[in-house]
């Protein structure tokens, strides 16, 4: 299974209260599949895209003024913040697919 496929499946469980990285990390356990090398590679891709931040919210808060404003005004679980995080992950999937991952 490709990295992009795992992230797509994880997005099916993703909601405004969840963290995609946690869903991905538990994908192997939930699916019963043995994907240690793939998960290791995907974790590296996630670390790279998050640029040293622990969460996507932290990255967006520091790099996107619009997100930071929404988060401050409405909280990280707001529709606006969730939509921006979802768009980020969808773009990440496109990047992975473009790389054949």
N, C-alpha and C. Protein backbone atom coordinates (compact mmCIF):
# COMPACT_ATOMS: atom_id res chain seq x y z
N UNK A 1 0.85 -1.17 0.00
CA UNK A 1 0.00 0.00 0.00
C UNK A 1 0.89 1.24 0.00
N UNK A 2 0.55 2.20 -0.82
CA UNK A 2 1.33 3.43 -0.93
C UNK A 2 1.02 4.38 0.23
N UNK A 3 1.96 5.29 0.48
CA UNK A 3 1.77 6.29 1.53
C UNK A 3 0.49 7.10 1.29
N UNK A 4 0.28 7.50 0.04
CA UNK A 4 -0.90 8.31 -0.28
C UNK A 4 -2.20 7.56 0.03
N UNK A 5 -2.21 6.24 -0.18
CA UNK A 5 -3.40 5.44 0.11
C UNK A 5 -3.67 5.38 1.61
N UNK A 6 -2.61 5.29 2.40
CA UNK A 6 -2.78 5.27 3.85
C UNK A 6 -3.36 6.61 4.33
N UNK A 7 -2.83 7.71 3.81
CA UNK A 7 -3.33 9.02 4.23
C UNK A 7 -4.78 9.20 3.78
N UNK A 8 -5.12 8.75 2.58
CA UNK A 8 -6.52 8.82 2.13
C UNK A 8 -7.44 8.05 3.06
N UNK A 9 -7.03 6.84 3.44
CA UNK A 9 -7.84 6.05 4.37
C UNK A 9 -7.94 6.73 5.73
N UNK A 10 -6.84 7.33 6.17
CA UNK A 10 -6.85 8.04 7.45
C UNK A 10 -7.80 9.23 7.41
N UNK A 11 -7.88 9.89 6.27
CA UNK A 11 -8.78 11.04 6.15
C UNK A 11 -10.24 10.65 6.31
N UNK A 12 -10.57 9.40 6.03
CA UNK A 12 -11.95 8.93 6.22
C UNK A 12 -12.34 8.94 7.69
N UNK A 13 -11.35 8.82 8.57
CA UNK A 13 -11.59 8.85 10.02
C UNK A 13 -11.30 10.22 10.63
N UNK A 14 -10.72 11.10 9.86
CA UNK A 14 -10.30 12.41 10.35
C UNK A 14 -11.51 13.30 10.60
N UNK A 15 -11.50 13.99 11.71
CA UNK A 15 -12.55 14.97 12.01
C UNK A 15 -11.93 16.15 12.73
N UNK A 16 -12.75 17.10 13.05
CA UNK A 16 -12.24 18.34 13.63
C UNK A 16 -11.54 18.16 14.98
N UNK A 17 -11.77 17.04 15.63
CA UNK A 17 -11.18 16.79 16.95
C UNK A 17 -9.99 15.85 16.91
N UNK A 18 -9.65 15.33 15.74
CA UNK A 18 -8.60 14.32 15.67
C UNK A 18 -7.30 14.88 15.10
N UNK A 19 -6.27 14.07 15.22
CA UNK A 19 -4.96 14.39 14.68
C UNK A 19 -4.60 13.32 13.66
N UNK A 20 -4.40 13.73 12.41
CA UNK A 20 -4.16 12.77 11.34
C UNK A 20 -2.95 11.90 11.62
N UNK A 21 -1.91 12.46 12.18
CA UNK A 21 -0.70 11.68 12.46
C UNK A 21 -1.02 10.51 13.40
N UNK A 22 -1.88 10.74 14.40
CA UNK A 22 -2.26 9.65 15.30
C UNK A 22 -3.03 8.57 14.57
N UNK A 23 -3.92 8.97 13.67
CA UNK A 23 -4.68 7.99 12.90
C UNK A 23 -3.73 7.15 12.05
N UNK A 24 -2.78 7.81 11.39
CA UNK A 24 -1.82 7.10 10.55
C UNK A 24 -0.98 6.14 11.38
N UNK A 25 -0.53 6.59 12.54
CA UNK A 25 0.32 5.74 13.38
C UNK A 25 -0.41 4.49 13.84
N UNK A 26 -1.72 4.58 13.98
CA UNK A 26 -2.49 3.43 14.44
C UNK A 26 -3.12 2.65 13.28
N UNK A 27 -2.83 3.05 12.05
CA UNK A 27 -3.41 2.40 10.89
C UNK A 27 -3.05 0.92 10.84
N UNK A 28 -1.81 0.60 11.09
CA UNK A 28 -1.35 -0.78 11.02
C UNK A 28 -2.11 -1.65 12.02
N UNK A 29 -2.28 -1.15 13.22
CA UNK A 29 -2.99 -1.90 14.25
C UNK A 29 -4.45 -2.09 13.86
N UNK A 30 -5.08 -1.02 13.39
CA UNK A 30 -6.50 -1.09 13.03
C UNK A 30 -6.74 -2.00 11.84
N UNK A 31 -5.86 -1.97 10.87
CA UNK A 31 -6.07 -2.73 9.64
C UNK A 31 -5.60 -4.17 9.76
N UNK A 32 -4.73 -4.44 10.74
CA UNK A 32 -4.16 -5.77 10.88
C UNK A 32 -3.06 -6.04 9.87
N UNK A 33 -2.68 -5.04 9.10
CA UNK A 33 -1.63 -5.19 8.10
C UNK A 33 -0.27 -4.94 8.72
N UNK A 34 0.73 -5.58 8.21
CA UNK A 34 2.10 -5.38 8.68
C UNK A 34 2.80 -4.45 7.70
N UNK A 35 2.94 -3.19 8.09
CA UNK A 35 3.52 -2.18 7.21
C UNK A 35 4.62 -1.39 7.89
N UNK A 36 5.52 -2.03 8.64
CA UNK A 36 6.49 -1.25 9.42
C UNK A 36 7.37 -0.33 8.57
N UNK A 37 7.89 -0.82 7.44
CA UNK A 37 8.76 0.02 6.62
C UNK A 37 7.98 1.16 5.99
N UNK A 38 6.78 0.87 5.51
CA UNK A 38 5.96 1.91 4.89
C UNK A 38 5.58 2.96 5.92
N UNK A 39 5.17 2.53 7.11
CA UNK A 39 4.82 3.50 8.14
C UNK A 39 6.02 4.34 8.54
N UNK A 40 7.20 3.72 8.58
CA UNK A 40 8.42 4.47 8.90
C UNK A 40 8.66 5.54 7.84
N UNK A 41 8.49 5.18 6.56
CA UNK A 41 8.66 6.14 5.47
C UNK A 41 7.59 7.23 5.53
N UNK A 42 6.36 6.83 5.82
CA UNK A 42 5.27 7.80 5.90
C UNK A 42 5.48 8.74 7.08
N UNK A 43 5.92 8.20 8.21
CA UNK A 43 6.22 9.06 9.36
C UNK A 43 7.28 10.09 9.01
N UNK A 44 8.27 9.69 8.24
CA UNK A 44 9.32 10.63 7.79
C UNK A 44 8.70 11.70 6.90
N UNK A 45 7.82 11.29 5.98
CA UNK A 45 7.15 12.27 5.10
C UNK A 45 6.31 13.24 5.92
N UNK A 46 5.62 12.73 6.94
CA UNK A 46 4.81 13.59 7.80
C UNK A 46 5.69 14.56 8.59
N UNK A 47 6.80 14.06 9.12
CA UNK A 47 7.73 14.93 9.84
C UNK A 47 8.25 16.04 8.92
N UNK A 48 8.56 15.68 7.68
CA UNK A 48 9.07 16.67 6.73
C UNK A 48 8.03 17.73 6.42
N UNK A 49 6.80 17.32 6.18
CA UNK A 49 5.75 18.27 5.81
C UNK A 49 5.37 19.17 7.00
N UNK A 50 5.50 18.64 8.22
CA UNK A 50 5.17 19.45 9.40
C UNK A 50 6.32 20.34 9.86
N UNK A 51 7.46 20.22 9.22
CA UNK A 51 8.61 21.10 9.44
C UNK A 51 8.98 21.27 10.91
N UNK A 52 9.02 20.16 11.63
CA UNK A 52 9.45 20.20 13.01
C UNK A 52 8.35 20.51 14.02
N UNK A 53 7.16 20.77 13.57
CA UNK A 53 6.05 21.02 14.49
C UNK A 53 5.43 19.70 14.89
N UNK A 54 4.86 19.67 16.07
CA UNK A 54 4.26 18.44 16.58
C UNK A 54 2.90 18.17 15.94
N UNK A 55 2.17 19.23 15.61
CA UNK A 55 0.85 19.09 15.00
C UNK A 55 0.73 20.01 13.80
N UNK A 56 -0.23 19.69 12.93
CA UNK A 56 -0.52 20.57 11.81
C UNK A 56 -1.03 21.91 12.30
N UNK A 57 -1.83 21.90 13.35
CA UNK A 57 -2.32 23.16 13.91
C UNK A 57 -1.16 24.08 14.30
N UNK A 58 -0.12 23.51 14.90
CA UNK A 58 1.05 24.30 15.27
C UNK A 58 1.74 24.89 14.06
N UNK A 59 1.87 24.09 13.00
CA UNK A 59 2.49 24.59 11.77
C UNK A 59 1.66 25.71 11.17
N UNK A 60 0.36 25.48 11.02
CA UNK A 60 -0.49 26.50 10.40
C UNK A 60 -0.58 27.76 11.25
N UNK A 61 -0.60 27.60 12.56
CA UNK A 61 -0.65 28.76 13.46
C UNK A 61 0.57 29.66 13.23
N UNK A 62 1.73 29.04 12.97
CA UNK A 62 2.96 29.79 12.80
C UNK A 62 3.19 30.29 11.37
N UNK A 63 2.54 29.67 10.38
CA UNK A 63 2.84 30.01 8.99
C UNK A 63 1.66 30.60 8.22
N UNK A 64 0.47 30.60 8.81
CA UNK A 64 -0.71 31.05 8.09
C UNK A 64 -1.50 32.00 8.99
N UNK A 65 -1.44 33.28 8.68
CA UNK A 65 -2.09 34.29 9.52
C UNK A 65 -3.61 34.09 9.58
N UNK A 66 -4.19 33.67 8.47
CA UNK A 66 -5.64 33.45 8.44
C UNK A 66 -6.03 32.33 9.41
N UNK A 67 -5.27 31.23 9.36
CA UNK A 67 -5.53 30.12 10.28
C UNK A 67 -5.35 30.59 11.72
N UNK A 68 -4.25 31.28 11.98
CA UNK A 68 -3.98 31.75 13.35
C UNK A 68 -5.13 32.62 13.86
N UNK A 69 -5.66 33.46 12.99
CA UNK A 69 -6.78 34.32 13.38
C UNK A 69 -8.03 33.52 13.69
N UNK A 70 -8.34 32.57 12.83
CA UNK A 70 -9.51 31.71 13.08
C UNK A 70 -9.34 30.92 14.37
N UNK A 71 -8.14 30.38 14.56
CA UNK A 71 -7.91 29.59 15.76
C UNK A 71 -8.06 30.44 17.02
N UNK A 72 -7.52 31.63 16.98
CA UNK A 72 -7.62 32.52 18.14
C UNK A 72 -9.07 32.93 18.40
N UNK A 73 -9.78 33.21 17.33
CA UNK A 73 -11.16 33.69 17.44
C UNK A 73 -12.15 32.57 17.76
N UNK A 74 -12.01 31.42 17.08
CA UNK A 74 -13.03 30.37 17.18
C UNK A 74 -12.54 29.05 17.79
N UNK A 75 -11.25 28.89 17.93
CA UNK A 75 -10.69 27.63 18.45
C UNK A 75 -10.29 26.69 17.33
N UNK A 76 -9.36 25.78 17.64
CA UNK A 76 -8.82 24.90 16.60
C UNK A 76 -9.82 23.89 16.08
N UNK A 77 -10.93 23.69 16.81
CA UNK A 77 -11.95 22.74 16.36
C UNK A 77 -13.04 23.39 15.51
N UNK A 78 -12.89 24.67 15.22
CA UNK A 78 -13.91 25.37 14.42
C UNK A 78 -13.96 24.82 13.00
N UNK A 79 -15.09 25.06 12.33
CA UNK A 79 -15.23 24.63 10.93
C UNK A 79 -14.15 25.23 10.05
N UNK A 80 -13.85 26.50 10.26
CA UNK A 80 -12.85 27.18 9.42
C UNK A 80 -11.48 26.55 9.57
N UNK A 81 -11.06 26.28 10.79
CA UNK A 81 -9.75 25.66 11.04
C UNK A 81 -9.72 24.24 10.50
N UNK A 82 -10.78 23.50 10.75
CA UNK A 82 -10.85 22.12 10.26
C UNK A 82 -10.75 22.09 8.73
N UNK A 83 -11.46 22.98 8.07
CA UNK A 83 -11.44 23.02 6.61
C UNK A 83 -10.02 23.29 6.10
N UNK A 84 -9.31 24.22 6.74
CA UNK A 84 -7.94 24.53 6.32
C UNK A 84 -7.01 23.35 6.55
N UNK A 85 -7.17 22.64 7.66
CA UNK A 85 -6.35 21.46 7.90
C UNK A 85 -6.66 20.36 6.90
N UNK A 86 -7.93 20.17 6.61
CA UNK A 86 -8.34 19.16 5.63
C UNK A 86 -7.76 19.47 4.25
N UNK A 87 -7.80 20.73 3.85
CA UNK A 87 -7.23 21.15 2.55
C UNK A 87 -5.72 20.89 2.53
N UNK A 88 -5.07 21.13 3.64
CA UNK A 88 -3.62 20.87 3.73
C UNK A 88 -3.34 19.39 3.49
N UNK A 89 -4.10 18.51 4.18
CA UNK A 89 -3.87 17.08 4.02
C UNK A 89 -4.21 16.59 2.62
N UNK A 90 -5.22 17.17 2.02
CA UNK A 90 -5.56 16.79 0.64
C UNK A 90 -4.43 17.20 -0.32
N UNK A 91 -3.85 18.36 -0.10
CA UNK A 91 -2.70 18.78 -0.92
C UNK A 91 -1.50 17.87 -0.67
N UNK A 92 -1.32 17.43 0.56
CA UNK A 92 -0.24 16.49 0.90
C UNK A 92 -0.41 15.19 0.12
N UNK A 93 -1.63 14.70 0.01
CA UNK A 93 -1.90 13.48 -0.74
C UNK A 93 -1.52 13.68 -2.21
N UNK A 94 -1.87 14.83 -2.77
CA UNK A 94 -1.52 15.13 -4.16
C UNK A 94 0.00 15.11 -4.33
N UNK A 95 0.73 15.69 -3.38
CA UNK A 95 2.20 15.69 -3.43
C UNK A 95 2.76 14.27 -3.39
N UNK A 96 2.21 13.45 -2.49
CA UNK A 96 2.66 12.06 -2.40
C UNK A 96 2.40 11.31 -3.69
N UNK A 97 1.23 11.50 -4.26
CA UNK A 97 0.89 10.83 -5.52
C UNK A 97 1.80 11.29 -6.66
N UNK A 98 2.13 12.58 -6.68
CA UNK A 98 3.02 13.10 -7.72
C UNK A 98 4.41 12.47 -7.62
N UNK A 99 4.80 12.10 -6.41
CA UNK A 99 6.09 11.46 -6.19
C UNK A 99 6.01 9.94 -6.34
N UNK A 100 4.81 9.44 -6.60
CA UNK A 100 4.62 7.99 -6.73
C UNK A 100 4.62 7.26 -5.41
N UNK A 101 4.39 7.99 -4.33
CA UNK A 101 4.41 7.38 -2.99
C UNK A 101 3.01 7.06 -2.51
